[in-house]
Protein backbone atom coordinates (compact mmCIF):
# COMPACT_ATOMS: atom_id res chain seq x y z
CA MET A 1 140.33 120.78 114.86
CA TYR A 2 140.40 117.38 112.84
CA HIS A 3 137.28 116.46 110.26
CA PHE A 4 136.93 112.66 109.52
CA HIS A 5 133.88 111.49 107.13
CA THR A 6 132.39 108.65 105.75
CA VAL A 7 129.18 107.20 104.49
CA VAL A 8 128.09 103.67 105.81
CA LYS A 9 125.32 101.35 104.42
CA LEU A 10 123.64 99.78 107.30
CA GLY A 11 122.95 96.38 105.65
CA ASP A 12 122.19 94.57 102.63
CA ARG A 13 119.00 92.85 103.86
CA VAL A 14 115.41 94.00 104.84
CA PRO A 15 114.86 96.10 107.05
CA PHE A 16 118.00 98.27 106.49
CA SER A 17 118.63 97.32 102.75
CA GLY A 18 119.67 100.73 100.97
CA ALA A 19 119.68 102.71 104.34
CA LEU A 20 122.85 104.85 104.78
CA ILE A 21 124.28 107.05 107.42
CA ASP A 22 126.74 109.91 106.80
CA LEU A 23 129.02 110.44 109.62
CA SER A 24 131.03 113.60 110.16
CA PHE A 25 133.17 113.27 113.15
CA VAL A 26 135.14 116.83 114.45
CA THR A 27 137.70 116.50 116.94
CA LYS A 28 141.09 117.95 118.63
CA ILE A 29 144.04 115.72 118.73
CA LYS A 30 146.56 115.88 121.39
CA PHE A 31 149.84 114.01 122.14
CA ASN A 32 150.01 112.36 125.72
CA LYS A 33 153.54 112.47 126.53
CA GLN A 34 152.85 110.12 129.54
CA THR A 35 151.42 107.21 127.09
CA SER A 36 153.14 108.41 124.08
CA ASN A 37 149.98 107.77 122.31
CA TYR A 38 147.48 110.59 120.52
CA GLU A 39 144.23 111.12 122.02
CA LEU A 40 140.83 112.49 121.09
CA GLU A 41 139.56 115.61 122.87
CA ASN A 42 136.10 117.61 122.72
CA SER A 43 134.87 115.26 120.00
CA LYS A 44 131.61 115.45 118.00
CA LEU A 45 129.85 113.22 115.97
CA ASP A 46 127.08 114.42 113.41
CA ILE A 47 125.05 111.75 111.87
CA GLN A 48 122.78 112.25 108.62
CA PRO A 49 120.53 108.99 108.10
CA PHE A 50 118.97 108.46 104.75
CA GLY A 51 116.48 105.91 104.21
CA CYS A 52 115.72 105.89 108.09
CA GLU A 53 115.57 108.09 110.99
CA GLU A 54 117.80 108.50 114.14
CA TYR A 55 115.46 107.69 117.07
CA THR A 56 117.57 107.90 120.09
CA ALA A 57 121.36 107.69 121.30
CA ASP A 58 123.21 106.93 124.24
CA ASN A 59 126.07 109.38 125.54
CA ALA A 60 128.99 109.37 123.74
CA PHE A 61 132.20 108.20 125.33
CA THR A 62 135.83 108.85 124.68
CA ASN A 63 138.58 106.79 126.14
CA GLY A 64 141.96 108.06 124.70
CA ALA A 65 142.12 107.27 121.03
CA LYS A 66 138.85 105.80 120.74
CA TYR A 67 135.15 107.22 120.60
CA SER A 68 131.99 105.34 120.70
CA LYS A 69 128.18 106.09 120.62
CA ASN A 70 125.25 103.64 120.57
CA VAL A 71 122.41 105.06 117.96
CA GLN A 72 119.00 103.47 117.39
CA PHE A 73 117.77 104.06 113.84
CA GLY A 74 114.56 103.13 112.44
CA LEU A 75 111.39 103.99 110.19
CA LYS A 76 107.66 104.45 111.20
CA PRO A 77 104.86 103.44 108.91
CA HIS A 78 104.08 105.89 106.52
CA GLN A 79 106.58 108.20 107.14
CA HIS A 80 107.63 111.23 104.57
CA PHE A 81 110.94 112.40 103.85
CA ASN A 82 112.50 115.04 101.66
CA GLN A 83 116.31 115.15 101.16
CA VAL A 84 118.84 116.86 99.24
CA ILE A 85 121.56 113.95 98.34
CA PRO A 86 124.16 113.20 95.87
CA ILE A 87 123.05 110.76 93.18
CA LYS A 88 125.68 108.09 94.32
CA TYR A 89 123.56 107.88 97.70
CA ALA A 90 120.29 108.17 95.55
CA LYS A 91 121.14 105.10 93.78
CA ILE A 92 121.50 103.08 96.95
CA LEU A 93 118.47 104.47 98.53
CA ILE A 94 116.57 103.28 95.53
CA GLN A 95 117.42 99.68 96.52
CA ASN A 96 115.55 100.31 99.85
CA LYS A 97 112.47 97.84 99.89
CA ASN A 98 111.16 99.66 102.75
CA ILE A 99 110.44 102.65 100.95
CA THR A 100 108.65 104.08 97.86
CA ILE A 101 110.10 107.09 95.98
CA PRO A 102 107.23 109.12 94.28
CA LEU A 103 109.07 111.95 93.13
CA ILE A 104 112.75 113.01 92.25
CA ILE A 105 114.04 116.66 91.35
CA SER A 106 117.23 117.67 89.48
CA GLY A 107 117.57 121.38 89.16
CA SER A 108 113.68 122.41 88.61
CA LYS A 109 112.62 119.41 86.53
CA GLU A 110 111.62 115.96 87.67
CA ILE A 111 113.49 112.87 86.72
CA LYS A 112 112.82 109.27 86.71
CA LEU A 113 114.50 106.36 88.64
CA VAL A 114 115.98 104.79 85.69
CA ASP A 115 117.70 108.32 84.74
CA ILE A 116 119.44 108.20 88.39
CA LEU A 117 120.65 104.74 88.07
CA LYS A 118 122.14 105.67 84.33
CA SER A 119 123.65 109.04 85.73
CA LYS A 120 127.46 109.12 85.61
CA ASP A 121 127.56 112.39 87.59
CA ASN A 122 127.50 110.77 90.93
CA ASN A 123 127.88 114.04 92.94
CA LYS A 124 125.27 116.06 91.59
CA LEU A 125 122.73 116.80 93.98
CA VAL A 126 118.88 115.75 93.82
CA SER A 127 116.18 116.33 95.85
CA ILE A 128 114.50 113.18 96.83
CA ASP A 129 110.93 112.35 98.17
CA TYR A 130 110.35 109.24 99.61
CA ASN A 131 107.76 107.53 101.99
CA SER A 132 108.31 104.52 104.12
CA LYS A 133 105.89 101.78 103.69
CA ASN A 134 103.39 99.95 106.06
CA GLU A 135 106.01 98.53 108.21
CA SER A 136 107.71 99.79 111.48
CA PHE A 137 111.26 98.62 112.59
CA SER A 138 114.49 99.90 114.59
CA MET A 139 117.66 98.65 115.45
CA TRP A 140 120.58 99.70 117.77
CA TYR A 141 124.03 100.25 116.28
CA ALA A 142 127.34 100.96 117.99
CA ILE A 143 129.28 103.71 116.03
CA GLU A 144 133.02 103.75 117.05
CA PHE A 145 135.88 106.00 115.78
CA LYS A 146 139.43 104.71 116.71
CA LEU A 147 142.31 106.86 115.98
CA ASN A 148 145.23 105.21 114.46
CA SER A 149 147.67 108.09 114.38
CA LYS A 150 147.62 112.21 114.43
CA ASN A 151 145.57 112.49 111.31
CA GLU A 152 144.30 108.76 110.54
CA GLY A 153 141.42 106.78 111.95
CA ILE A 154 138.67 104.11 111.35
CA PHE A 155 135.10 104.27 111.86
CA THR A 156 133.10 100.93 112.66
CA VAL A 157 129.41 100.47 112.67
CA ASN A 158 127.96 97.19 114.32
């Protein structure tokens, strides 16, 4: 089994400014002698959204070296989230104009937004509570993984 991973920012403008998706793709890769190409087999995509939620998804489709799935992300008014995330993602989430962040905890103490922005330890985990504002939105995204070689591939999110 091969594991591919990336984090994608969904957009730079409202409504998805500061919303992220963590993509974890696990697959078997086999060599097809007839086509002389590597192909994906038994693929699974796990998605962890930050700053929004996954509403629904179409069935995944695998065709040779390409995997694709359409997923709808969005927010409901006054929705509450509590997630444990690395500081590097919290820095991006802070930019999300559709949420308010009343509480961030590192270890056992509460920390301020300014402390997150100043932090140099980007991999340190923090617990972040946040709420969506009085807005509702959703958008469909096409998520694709294309295998380039036996151990290299590219994620595309449109």
